[in-house]
């Protein structure tokens, strides 16, 4: 599952909002813009749901505070958007690093 799909699924965003005929950089920028809009909507209408999603996708609360302190010019939704994307990329790299395709796990006990 790609990062884009994971983010859209977590935030209940329809993938059809993302244009297909653009390059990777443009696609990333559009994905970020759509995610930012969704986070702003959740901040306005359903903060509890937003917090639940952040917990479920494992966004580090300490990182959120630190980024807000260091980047006071950014708004809360922008900070969250970037941290969510960063966390999904970290998780994808970790899955790739630790997936060997070999599902035979053996433990010496």
PDB file of N, CA and C in Angstrom:
ATOM      1  N   UNK A   1       0.855  -1.183   0.000  1.00  0.00           N
ATOM      2  CA  UNK A   1       0.000   0.000   0.000  1.00  0.00           C
ATOM      3  C   UNK A   1       0.894   1.237   0.000  1.00  0.00           C
ATOM      4  N   UNK A   2       0.623   2.165  -0.895  1.00  0.00           N
ATOM      5  CA  UNK A   2       1.479   3.343  -0.956  1.00  0.00           C
ATOM      6  C   UNK A   2       1.091   4.393   0.088  1.00  0.00           C
ATOM      7  N   UNK A   3       1.977   5.306   0.302  1.00  0.00           N
ATOM      8  CA  UNK A   3       1.820   6.338   1.332  1.00  0.00           C
ATOM      9  C   UNK A   3       0.563   7.176   1.084  1.00  0.00           C
ATOM     10  N   UNK A   4       0.375   7.557  -0.140  1.00  0.00           N
ATOM     11  CA  UNK A   4      -0.783   8.365  -0.518  1.00  0.00           C
ATOM     12  C   UNK A   4      -2.088   7.657  -0.128  1.00  0.00           C
ATOM     13  N   UNK A   5      -2.190   6.388  -0.467  1.00  0.00           N
ATOM     14  CA  UNK A   5      -3.400   5.617  -0.157  1.00  0.00           C
ATOM     15  C   UNK A   5      -3.590   5.477   1.352  1.00  0.00           C
ATOM     16  N   UNK A   6      -2.516   5.240   2.078  1.00  0.00           N
ATOM     17  CA  UNK A   6      -2.616   5.118   3.535  1.00  0.00           C
ATOM     18  C   UNK A   6      -3.140   6.409   4.152  1.00  0.00           C
ATOM     19  N   UNK A   7      -2.615   7.516   3.704  1.00  0.00           N
ATOM     20  CA  UNK A   7      -3.046   8.816   4.242  1.00  0.00           C
ATOM     21  C   UNK A   7      -4.505   9.068   3.899  1.00  0.00           C
ATOM     22  N   UNK A   8      -4.870   8.864   2.639  1.00  0.00           N
ATOM     23  CA  UNK A   8      -6.246   9.116   2.226  1.00  0.00           C
ATOM     24  C   UNK A   8      -7.215   8.183   2.947  1.00  0.00           C
ATOM     25  N   UNK A   9      -6.838   6.928   3.116  1.00  0.00           N
ATOM     26  CA  UNK A   9      -7.697   5.988   3.847  1.00  0.00           C
ATOM     27  C   UNK A   9      -7.863   6.416   5.299  1.00  0.00           C
ATOM     28  N   UNK A  10      -6.765   6.786   5.948  1.00  0.00           N
ATOM     29  CA  UNK A  10      -6.820   7.194   7.357  1.00  0.00           C
ATOM     30  C   UNK A  10      -7.722   8.403   7.572  1.00  0.00           C
ATOM     31  N   UNK A  11      -7.722   9.315   6.620  1.00  0.00           N
ATOM     32  CA  UNK A  11      -8.479  10.556   6.763  1.00  0.00           C
ATOM     33  C   UNK A  11      -9.788  10.556   5.979  1.00  0.00           C
ATOM     34  N   UNK A  12     -10.160   9.378   5.469  1.00  0.00           N
ATOM     35  CA  UNK A  12     -11.413   9.218   4.730  1.00  0.00           C
ATOM     36  C   UNK A  12     -11.533  10.238   3.596  1.00  0.00           C
ATOM     37  N   UNK A  13     -10.477  10.294   2.786  1.00  0.00           N
ATOM     38  CA  UNK A  13     -10.446  11.193   1.634  1.00  0.00           C
ATOM     39  C   UNK A  13     -10.575  10.325   0.383  1.00  0.00           C
ATOM     40  N   UNK A  14     -11.436  10.727  -0.518  1.00  0.00           N
ATOM     41  CA  UNK A  14     -11.627  10.000  -1.771  1.00  0.00           C
ATOM     42  C   UNK A  14     -10.426  10.257  -2.689  1.00  0.00           C
ATOM     43  N   UNK A  15      -9.803   9.197  -3.138  1.00  0.00           N
ATOM     44  CA  UNK A  15      -8.612   9.322  -3.989  1.00  0.00           C
ATOM     45  C   UNK A  15      -8.902   9.996  -5.325  1.00  0.00           C
ATOM     46  N   UNK A  16     -10.154  10.041  -5.720  1.00  0.00           N
ATOM     47  CA  UNK A  16     -10.495  10.663  -7.003  1.00  0.00           C
ATOM     48  C   UNK A  16     -10.248  12.176  -6.990  1.00  0.00           C
ATOM     49  N   UNK A  17     -10.068  12.759  -5.799  1.00  0.00           N
ATOM     50  CA  UNK A  17      -9.758  14.187  -5.715  1.00  0.00           C
ATOM     51  C   UNK A  17      -8.343  14.490  -6.222  1.00  0.00           C
ATOM     52  N   UNK A  18      -7.502  13.478  -6.263  1.00  0.00           N
ATOM     53  CA  UNK A  18      -6.117  13.665  -6.670  1.00  0.00           C
ATOM     54  C   UNK A  18      -5.992  13.522  -8.185  1.00  0.00           C
ATOM     55  N   UNK A  19      -5.500  14.549  -8.870  1.00  0.00           N
ATOM     56  CA  UNK A  19      -5.345  14.471 -10.330  1.00  0.00           C
ATOM     57  C   UNK A  19      -4.360  13.374 -10.723  1.00  0.00           C
ATOM     58  N   UNK A  20      -4.671  12.666 -11.786  1.00  0.00           N
ATOM     59  CA  UNK A  20      -3.819  11.555 -12.227  1.00  0.00           C
ATOM     60  C   UNK A  20      -2.708  12.015 -13.175  1.00  0.00           C
ATOM     61  N   UNK A  21      -2.981  12.985 -13.986  1.00  0.00           N
ATOM     62  CA  UNK A  21      -2.063  13.364 -15.062  1.00  0.00           C
ATOM     63  C   UNK A  21      -1.093  14.478 -14.666  1.00  0.00           C
ATOM     64  N   UNK A  22      -0.409  14.310 -13.542  1.00  0.00           N
ATOM     65  CA  UNK A  22       0.630  15.267 -13.174  1.00  0.00           C
ATOM     66  C   UNK A  22       1.860  14.503 -12.708  1.00  0.00           C
ATOM     67  N   UNK A  23       2.996  15.180 -12.716  1.00  0.00           N
ATOM     68  CA  UNK A  23       4.236  14.522 -12.303  1.00  0.00           C
ATOM     69  C   UNK A  23       4.236  14.249 -10.807  1.00  0.00           C
ATOM     70  N   UNK A  24       5.227  13.503 -10.330  1.00  0.00           N
ATOM     71  CA  UNK A  24       5.282  13.101  -8.924  1.00  0.00           C
ATOM     72  C   UNK A  24       5.314  14.290  -7.965  1.00  0.00           C
ATOM     73  N   UNK A  25       6.102  15.323  -8.305  1.00  0.00           N
ATOM     74  CA  UNK A  25       6.181  16.497  -7.428  1.00  0.00           C
ATOM     75  C   UNK A  25       4.836  17.210  -7.340  1.00  0.00           C
ATOM     76  N   UNK A  26       4.186  17.355  -8.479  1.00  0.00           N
ATOM     77  CA  UNK A  26       2.877  17.997  -8.502  1.00  0.00           C
ATOM     78  C   UNK A  26       1.844  17.167  -7.766  1.00  0.00           C
ATOM     79  N   UNK A  27       1.932  15.862  -7.917  1.00  0.00           N
ATOM     80  CA  UNK A  27       1.012  14.948  -7.238  1.00  0.00           C
ATOM     81  C   UNK A  27       1.199  15.028  -5.722  1.00  0.00           C
ATOM     82  N   UNK A  28       2.470  15.075  -5.281  1.00  0.00           N
ATOM     83  CA  UNK A  28       2.755  15.204  -3.854  1.00  0.00           C
ATOM     84  C   UNK A  28       2.195  16.517  -3.314  1.00  0.00           C
ATOM     85  N   UNK A  29       2.407  17.601  -4.047  1.00  0.00           N
ATOM     86  CA  UNK A  29       1.909  18.914  -3.616  1.00  0.00           C
ATOM     87  C   UNK A  29       0.387  18.910  -3.516  1.00  0.00           C
ATOM     88  N   UNK A  30      -0.277  18.273  -4.481  1.00  0.00           N
ATOM     89  CA  UNK A  30      -1.737  18.181  -4.447  1.00  0.00           C
ATOM     90  C   UNK A  30      -2.214  17.334  -3.276  1.00  0.00           C
ATOM     91  N   UNK A  31      -1.517  16.209  -3.033  1.00  0.00           N
ATOM     92  CA  UNK A  31      -1.878  15.348  -1.912  1.00  0.00           C
ATOM     93  C   UNK A  31      -1.757  16.122  -0.602  1.00  0.00           C
ATOM     94  N   UNK A  32      -0.669  16.865  -0.456  1.00  0.00           N
ATOM     95  CA  UNK A  32      -0.450  17.658   0.755  1.00  0.00           C
ATOM     96  C   UNK A  32      -1.552  18.699   0.915  1.00  0.00           C
ATOM     97  N   UNK A  33      -1.912  19.355  -0.176  1.00  0.00           N
ATOM     98  CA  UNK A  33      -2.953  20.385  -0.143  1.00  0.00           C
ATOM     99  C   UNK A  33      -4.303  19.785   0.277  1.00  0.00           C
ATOM    100  N   UNK A  34      -4.642  18.624  -0.271  1.00  0.00           N
ATOM    101  CA  UNK A  34      -5.900  17.954   0.058  1.00  0.00           C
ATOM    102  C   UNK A  34      -5.900  17.516   1.523  1.00  0.00           C
ATOM    103  N   UNK A  35      -4.776  16.958   1.981  1.00  0.00           N
ATOM    104  CA  UNK A  35      -4.662  16.542   3.376  1.00  0.00           C
ATOM    105  C   UNK A  35      -4.773  17.756   4.305  1.00  0.00           C
ATOM    106  N   UNK A  36      -4.124  18.830   3.946  1.00  0.00           N
ATOM    107  CA  UNK A  36      -4.194  20.058   4.746  1.00  0.00           C
ATOM    108  C   UNK A  36      -5.642  20.541   4.879  1.00  0.00           C
ATOM    109  N   UNK A  37      -6.379  20.524   3.793  1.00  0.00           N
ATOM    110  CA  UNK A  37      -7.783  20.940   3.833  1.00  0.00           C
ATOM    111  C   UNK A  37      -8.596  20.033   4.760  1.00  0.00           C
ATOM    112  N   UNK A  38      -8.326  18.730   4.690  1.00  0.00           N
ATOM    113  CA  UNK A  38      -9.060  17.782   5.538  1.00  0.00           C
ATOM    114  C   UNK A  38      -8.735  18.007   7.021  1.00  0.00           C
ATOM    115  N   UNK A  39      -7.465  18.260   7.320  1.00  0.00           N
ATOM    116  CA  UNK A  39      -7.067  18.512   8.705  1.00  0.00           C
ATOM    117  C   UNK A  39      -7.706  19.795   9.212  1.00  0.00           C
ATOM    118  N   UNK A  40      -7.730  20.826   8.395  1.00  0.00           N
ATOM    119  CA  UNK A  40      -8.391  22.076   8.784  1.00  0.00           C
ATOM    120  C   UNK A  40      -9.870  21.830   9.069  1.00  0.00           C
ATOM    121  N   UNK A  41     -10.496  21.008   8.233  1.00  0.00           N
ATOM    122  CA  UNK A  41     -11.910  20.668   8.438  1.00  0.00           C
ATOM    123  C   UNK A  41     -12.107  19.931   9.767  1.00  0.00           C
ATOM    124  N   UNK A  42     -11.244  18.960  10.040  1.00  0.00           N
ATOM    125  CA  UNK A  42     -11.360  18.210  11.290  1.00  0.00           C
ATOM    126  C   UNK A  42     -11.072  19.098  12.500  1.00  0.00           C
ATOM    127  N   UNK A  43     -10.132  20.008  12.397  1.00  0.00           N
ATOM    128  CA  UNK A  43      -9.844  20.930  13.494  1.00  0.00           C
ATOM    129  C   UNK A  43     -11.060  21.799  13.800  1.00  0.00           C
ATOM    130  N   UNK A  44     -11.788  22.140  12.757  1.00  0.00           N
ATOM    131  CA  UNK A  44     -12.965  22.983  12.909  1.00  0.00           C
ATOM    132  C   UNK A  44     -14.174  22.210  13.430  1.00  0.00           C
ATOM    133  N   UNK A  45     -14.359  20.966  12.939  1.00  0.00           N
ATOM    134  CA  UNK A  45     -15.616  20.261  13.189  1.00  0.00           C
ATOM    135  C   UNK A  45     -15.515  19.037  14.082  1.00  0.00           C
ATOM    136  N   UNK A  46     -14.333  18.374  14.127  1.00  0.00           N
ATOM    137  CA  UNK A  46     -14.255  17.114  14.873  1.00  0.00           C
ATOM    138  C   UNK A  46     -12.826  16.852  15.363  1.00  0.00           C
ATOM    139  N   UNK A  47     -12.395  17.647  16.330  1.00  0.00           N
ATOM    140  CA  UNK A  47     -11.037  17.539  16.869  1.00  0.00           C
ATOM    141  C   UNK A  47     -10.800  16.155  17.476  1.00  0.00           C
ATOM    142  N   UNK A  48     -11.810  15.603  18.108  1.00  0.00           N
ATOM    143  CA  UNK A  48     -11.677  14.280  18.723  1.00  0.00           C
ATOM    144  C   UNK A  48     -11.323  13.223  17.684  1.00  0.00           C
ATOM    145  N   UNK A  49     -11.967  13.274  16.541  1.00  0.00           N
ATOM    146  CA  UNK A  49     -11.666  12.323  15.465  1.00  0.00           C
ATOM    147  C   UNK A  49     -10.238  12.526  14.962  1.00  0.00           C
ATOM    148  N   UNK A  50      -9.830  13.777  14.819  1.00  0.00           N
ATOM    149  CA  UNK A  50      -8.471  14.076  14.379  1.00  0.00           C
ATOM    150  C   UNK A  50      -7.456  13.497  15.362  1.00  0.00           C
ATOM    151  N   UNK A  51      -7.688  13.696  16.645  1.00  0.00           N
ATOM    152  CA  UNK A  51      -6.765  13.166  17.659  1.00  0.00           C
ATOM    153  C   UNK A  51      -6.713  11.639  17.614  1.00  0.00           C
ATOM    154  N   UNK A  52      -7.842  11.009  17.376  1.00  0.00           N
ATOM    155  CA  UNK A  52      -7.892   9.560  17.278  1.00  0.00           C
ATOM    156  C   UNK A  52      -7.063   9.079  16.075  1.00  0.00           C
ATOM    157  N   UNK A  53      -7.197   9.775  14.950  1.00  0.00           N
ATOM    158  CA  UNK A  53      -6.436   9.400  13.749  1.00  0.00           C
ATOM    159  C   UNK A  53      -4.943   9.578  14.011  1.00  0.00           C
ATOM    160  N   UNK A  54      -4.554  10.692  14.619  1.00  0.00           N
ATOM    161  CA  UNK A  54      -3.141  10.946  14.917  1.00  0.00           C
ATOM    162  C   UNK A  54      -2.578   9.856  15.829  1.00  0.00           C
ATOM    163  N   UNK A  55      -3.351   9.457  16.808  1.00  0.00           N
ATOM    164  CA  UNK A  55      -2.935   8.383  17.710  1.00  0.00           C
ATOM    165  C   UNK A  55      -2.785   7.073  16.935  1.00  0.00           C
ATOM    166  N   UNK A  56      -3.765   6.774  16.099  1.00  0.00           N
ATOM    167  CA  UNK A  56      -3.758   5.525  15.345  1.00  0.00           C
ATOM    168  C   UNK A  56      -2.587   5.436  14.365  1.00  0.00           C
ATOM    169  N   UNK A  57      -2.245   6.539  13.715  1.00  0.00           N
ATOM    170  CA  UNK A  57      -1.123   6.490  12.777  1.00  0.00           C
ATOM    171  C   UNK A  57       0.205   6.803  13.456  1.00  0.00           C
ATOM    172  N   UNK A  58       0.155   7.040  14.756  1.00  0.00           N
ATOM    173  CA  UNK A  58       1.353   7.148  15.589  1.00  0.00           C
ATOM    174  C   UNK A  58       2.188   8.392  15.310  1.00  0.00           C
ATOM    175  N   UNK A  59       1.525   9.540  15.274  1.00  0.00           N
ATOM    176  CA  UNK A  59       2.253  10.808  15.143  1.00  0.00           C
ATOM    177  C   UNK A  59       2.708  11.203  16.547  1.00  0.00           C
ATOM    178  N   UNK A  60       3.976  11.459  16.690  1.00  0.00           N
ATOM    179  CA  UNK A  60       4.586  11.753  17.979  1.00  0.00           C
ATOM    180  C   UNK A  60       4.143  13.121  18.505  1.00  0.00           C
ATOM    181  N   UNK A  61       3.478  13.107  19.654  1.00  0.00           N
ATOM    182  CA  UNK A  61       2.960  14.339  20.252  1.00  0.00           C
ATOM    183  C   UNK A  61       4.084  15.321  20.597  1.00  0.00           C
ATOM    184  N   UNK A  62       5.214  14.795  21.055  1.00  0.00           N
ATOM    185  CA  UNK A  62       6.359  15.649  21.372  1.00  0.00           C
ATOM    186  C   UNK A  62       6.887  16.371  20.146  1.00  0.00           C
ATOM    187  N   UNK A  63       6.892  15.673  19.001  1.00  0.00           N
ATOM    188  CA  UNK A  63       7.339  16.290  17.752  1.00  0.00           C
ATOM    189  C   UNK A  63       6.397  17.412  17.342  1.00  0.00           C
ATOM    190  N   UNK A  64       5.106  17.199  17.565  1.00  0.00           N
ATOM    191  CA  UNK A  64       4.123  18.230  17.214  1.00  0.00           C
ATOM    192  C   UNK A  64       4.415  19.496  18.012  1.00  0.00           C
ATOM    193  N   UNK A  65       4.583  19.333  19.323  1.00  0.00           N
ATOM    194  CA  UNK A  65       4.880  20.498  20.178  1.00  0.00           C
ATOM    195  C   UNK A  65       6.167  21.189  19.759  1.00  0.00           C
ATOM    196  N   UNK A  66       7.207  20.386  19.523  1.00  0.00           N
ATOM    197  CA  UNK A  66       8.512  20.941  19.160  1.00  0.00           C
ATOM    198  C   UNK A  66       8.428  21.723  17.853  1.00  0.00           C
ATOM    199  N   UNK A  67       7.758  21.151  16.855  1.00  0.00           N
ATOM    200  CA  UNK A  67       7.638  21.846  15.564  1.00  0.00           C
ATOM    201  C   UNK A  67       6.847  23.138  15.701  1.00  0.00           C
ATOM    202  N   UNK A  68       5.807  23.116  16.525  1.00  0.00           N
ATOM    203  CA  UNK A  68       5.027  24.333  16.713  1.00  0.00           C
ATOM    204  C   UNK A  68       5.846  25.417  17.396  1.00  0.00           C
ATOM    205  N   UNK A  69       6.690  25.017  18.362  1.00  0.00           N
ATOM    206  CA  UNK A  69       7.543  25.985  19.051  1.00  0.00           C
ATOM    207  C   UNK A  69       8.599  26.558  18.110  1.00  0.00           C
ATOM    208  N   UNK A  70       9.185  25.687  17.279  1.00  0.00           N
ATOM    209  CA  UNK A  70      10.266  26.116  16.390  1.00  0.00           C
ATOM    210  C   UNK A  70       9.757  26.868  15.167  1.00  0.00           C
ATOM    211  N   UNK A  71       8.517  26.639  14.787  1.00  0.00           N
ATOM    212  CA  UNK A  71       7.961  27.238  13.568  1.00  0.00           C
ATOM    213  C   UNK A  71       6.670  27.970  13.886  1.00  0.00           C
ATOM    214  N   UNK A  72       6.765  28.996  14.681  1.00  0.00           N
ATOM    215  CA  UNK A  72       5.562  29.705  15.108  1.00  0.00           C
ATOM    216  C   UNK A  72       4.830  30.361  13.937  1.00  0.00           C
ATOM    217  N   UNK A  73       5.519  30.533  12.820  1.00  0.00           N
ATOM    218  CA  UNK A  73       4.864  31.139  11.661  1.00  0.00           C
ATOM    219  C   UNK A  73       3.940  30.145  10.954  1.00  0.00           C
ATOM    220  N   UNK A  74       4.152  28.838  11.175  1.00  0.00           N
ATOM    221  CA  UNK A  74       3.277  27.835  10.577  1.00  0.00           C
ATOM    222  C   UNK A  74       2.008  27.705  11.400  1.00  0.00           C
ATOM    223  N   UNK A  75       0.940  27.354  10.731  1.00  0.00           N
ATOM    224  CA  UNK A  75      -0.266  27.111  11.503  1.00  0.00           C
ATOM    225  C   UNK A  75      -0.317  25.641  11.911  1.00  0.00           C
ATOM    226  N   UNK A  76      -1.154  25.342  12.860  1.00  0.00           N
ATOM    227  CA  UNK A  76      -1.253  24.008  13.439  1.00  0.00           C
ATOM    228  C   UNK A  76      -1.548  22.950  12.378  1.00  0.00           C
ATOM    229  N   UNK A  77      -2.450  23.242  11.456  1.00  0.00           N
ATOM    230  CA  UNK A  77      -2.822  22.282  10.411  1.00  0.00           C
ATOM    231  C   UNK A  77      -1.630  21.965   9.508  1.00  0.00           C
ATOM    232  N   UNK A  78      -0.820  22.976   9.188  1.00  0.00           N
ATOM    233  CA  UNK A  78       0.358  22.739   8.350  1.00  0.00           C
ATOM    234  C   UNK A  78       1.369  21.855   9.068  1.00  0.00           C
ATOM    235  N   UNK A  79       1.578  22.108  10.348  1.00  0.00           N
ATOM    236  CA  UNK A  79       2.508  21.290  11.138  1.00  0.00           C
ATOM    237  C   UNK A  79       2.034  19.851  11.164  1.00  0.00           C
ATOM    238  N   UNK A  80       0.758  19.647  11.442  1.00  0.00           N
ATOM    239  CA  UNK A  80       0.215  18.294  11.480  1.00  0.00           C
ATOM    240  C   UNK A  80       0.324  17.608  10.124  1.00  0.00           C
ATOM    241  N   UNK A  81       0.016  18.324   9.070  1.00  0.00           N
ATOM    242  CA  UNK A  81       0.099  17.758   7.717  1.00  0.00           C
ATOM    243  C   UNK A  81       1.500  17.239   7.441  1.00  0.00           C
ATOM    244  N   UNK A  82       2.500  18.056   7.712  1.00  0.00           N
ATOM    245  CA  UNK A  82       3.879  17.648   7.439  1.00  0.00           C
ATOM    246  C   UNK A  82       4.322  16.496   8.330  1.00  0.00           C
ATOM    247  N   UNK A  83       3.912  16.503   9.578  1.00  0.00           N
ATOM    248  CA  UNK A  83       4.283  15.406  10.479  1.00  0.00           C
ATOM    249  C   UNK A  83       3.595  14.101  10.088  1.00  0.00           C
ATOM    250  N   UNK A  84       2.372  14.175   9.626  1.00  0.00           N
ATOM    251  CA  UNK A  84       1.656  12.978   9.183  1.00  0.00           C
ATOM    252  C   UNK A  84       2.362  12.375   7.970  1.00  0.00           C
ATOM    253  N   UNK A  85       2.685  13.203   7.014  1.00  0.00           N
ATOM    254  CA  UNK A  85       3.374  12.712   5.813  1.00  0.00           C
ATOM    255  C   UNK A  85       4.729  12.124   6.203  1.00  0.00           C
ATOM    256  N   UNK A  86       5.463  12.827   7.042  1.00  0.00           N
ATOM    257  CA  UNK A  86       6.772  12.349   7.504  1.00  0.00           C
ATOM    258  C   UNK A  86       6.645  10.983   8.186  1.00  0.00           C
ATOM    259  N   UNK A  87       5.640  10.837   9.039  1.00  0.00           N
ATOM    260  CA  UNK A  87       5.456   9.574   9.770  1.00  0.00           C
ATOM    261  C   UNK A  87       5.089   8.433   8.823  1.00  0.00           C
ATOM    262  N   UNK A  88       4.258   8.707   7.835  1.00  0.00           N
ATOM    263  CA  UNK A  88       3.886   7.657   6.887  1.00  0.00           C
ATOM    264  C   UNK A  88       5.098   7.233   6.040  1.00  0.00           C
ATOM    265  N   UNK A  89       5.953   8.178   5.708  1.00  0.00           N
ATOM    266  CA  UNK A  89       7.180   7.848   4.959  1.00  0.00           C
ATOM    267  C   UNK A  89       8.097   7.002   5.828  1.00  0.00           C
ATOM    268  N   UNK A  90       8.242   7.372   7.110  1.00  0.00           N
ATOM    269  CA  UNK A  90       9.068   6.583   8.040  1.00  0.00           C
ATOM    270  C   UNK A  90       8.558   5.151   8.139  1.00  0.00           C
ATOM    271  N   UNK A  91       7.243   4.994   8.266  1.00  0.00           N
ATOM    272  CA  UNK A  91       6.665   3.664   8.394  1.00  0.00           C
ATOM    273  C   UNK A  91       6.883   2.844   7.118  1.00  0.00           C
ATOM    274  N   UNK A  92       6.757   3.483   5.970  1.00  0.00           N
ATOM    275  CA  UNK A  92       6.963   2.778   4.701  1.00  0.00           C
ATOM    276  C   UNK A  92       8.413   2.320   4.578  1.00  0.00           C
ATOM    277  N   UNK A  93       9.350   3.185   4.953  1.00  0.00           N
ATOM    278  CA  UNK A  93      10.770   2.813   4.899  1.00  0.00           C
ATOM    279  C   UNK A  93      11.055   1.665   5.851  1.00  0.00           C
ATOM    280  N   UNK A  94      10.472   1.712   7.026  1.00  0.00           N
ATOM    281  CA  UNK A  94      10.676   0.661   8.013  1.00  0.00           C
ATOM    282  C   UNK A  94      10.127  -0.670   7.509  1.00  0.00           C
ATOM    283  N   UNK A  95       8.932  -0.638   6.944  1.00  0.00           N
ATOM    284  CA  UNK A  95       8.347  -1.872   6.389  1.00  0.00           C
ATOM    285  C   UNK A  95       9.225  -2.440   5.292  1.00  0.00           C
ATOM    286  N   UNK A  96       9.733  -1.555   4.440  1.00  0.00           N
ATOM    287  CA  UNK A  96      10.584  -2.000   3.342  1.00  0.00           C
ATOM    288  C   UNK A  96      11.896  -2.571   3.872  1.00  0.00           C
ATOM    289  N   UNK A  97      12.458  -1.934   4.859  1.00  0.00           N
ATOM    290  CA  UNK A  97      13.733  -2.363   5.431  1.00  0.00           C
ATOM    291  C   UNK A  97      13.618  -3.736   6.086  1.00  0.00           C
ATOM    292  N   UNK A  98      12.507  -3.972   6.780  1.00  0.00           N
ATOM    293  CA  UNK A  98      12.386  -5.203   7.535  1.00  0.00           C
ATOM    294  C   UNK A  98      11.620  -6.307   6.810  1.00  0.00           C
ATOM    295  N   UNK A  99      11.103  -6.011   5.629  1.00  0.00           N
ATOM    296  CA  UNK A  99      10.431  -7.078   4.897  1.00  0.00           C
ATOM    297  C   UNK A  99      11.452  -7.783   4.020  1.00  0.00           C
ATOM    298  N   UNK A 100      11.608  -9.058   4.281  1.00  0.00           N
ATOM    299  CA  UNK A 100      12.570  -9.844   3.515  1.00  0.00           C
ATOM    300  C   UNK A 100      11.874 -10.770   2.544  1.00  0.00           C
ATOM    301  N   UNK A 101      10.554 -10.826   2.655  1.00  0.00           N
ATOM    302  CA  UNK A 101       9.814 -11.746   1.818  1.00  0.00           C
ATOM    303  C   UNK A 101       9.799 -13.148   2.399  1.00  0.00           C
ATOM    304  N   UNK A 102      10.593 -13.367   3.427  1.00  0.00           N
ATOM    305  CA  UNK A 102      10.674 -14.667   4.072  1.00  0.00           C
ATOM    306  C   UNK A 102       9.792 -14.639   5.311  1.00  0.00           C
ATOM    307  N   UNK A 103       8.705 -15.380   5.271  1.00  0.00           N
ATOM    308  CA  UNK A 103       7.781 -15.354   6.397  1.00  0.00           C
ATOM    309  C   UNK A 103       8.054 -16.466   7.406  1.00  0.00           C
ATOM    310  N   UNK A 104       9.163 -17.174   7.239  1.00  0.00           N
ATOM    311  CA  UNK A 104       9.497 -18.253   8.168  1.00  0.00           C
ATOM    312  C   UNK A 104      10.291 -17.678   9.331  1.00  0.00           C
ATOM    313  N   UNK A 105       9.612 -17.396  10.416  1.00  0.00           N
ATOM    314  CA  UNK A 105      10.254 -16.857  11.587  1.00  0.00           C
ATOM    315  C   UNK A 105      10.580 -17.995  12.527  1.00  0.00           C
ATOM    316  N   UNK A 106      11.798 -18.029  12.963  1.00  0.00           N
ATOM    317  CA  UNK A 106      12.130 -19.062  13.950  1.00  0.00           C
ATOM    318  C   UNK A 106      12.837 -18.389  15.106  1.00  0.00           C
ATOM    319  N   UNK A 107      12.494 -18.843  16.281  1.00  0.00           N
ATOM    320  CA  UNK A 107      13.077 -18.287  17.493  1.00  0.00           C
ATOM    321  C   UNK A 107      13.679 -19.425  18.287  1.00  0.00           C
ATOM    322  N   UNK A 108      14.889 -19.237  18.730  1.00  0.00           N
ATOM    323  CA  UNK A 108      15.512 -20.238  19.600  1.00  0.00           C
ATOM    324  C   UNK A 108      15.068 -19.963  21.013  1.00  0.00           C
ATOM    325  N   UNK A 109      14.491 -20.961  21.636  1.00  0.00           N
ATOM    326  CA  UNK A 109      14.019 -20.787  23.005  1.00  0.00           C
ATOM    327  C   UNK A 109      14.685 -21.772  23.910  1.00  0.00           C
TER     328      UNK A 109
END
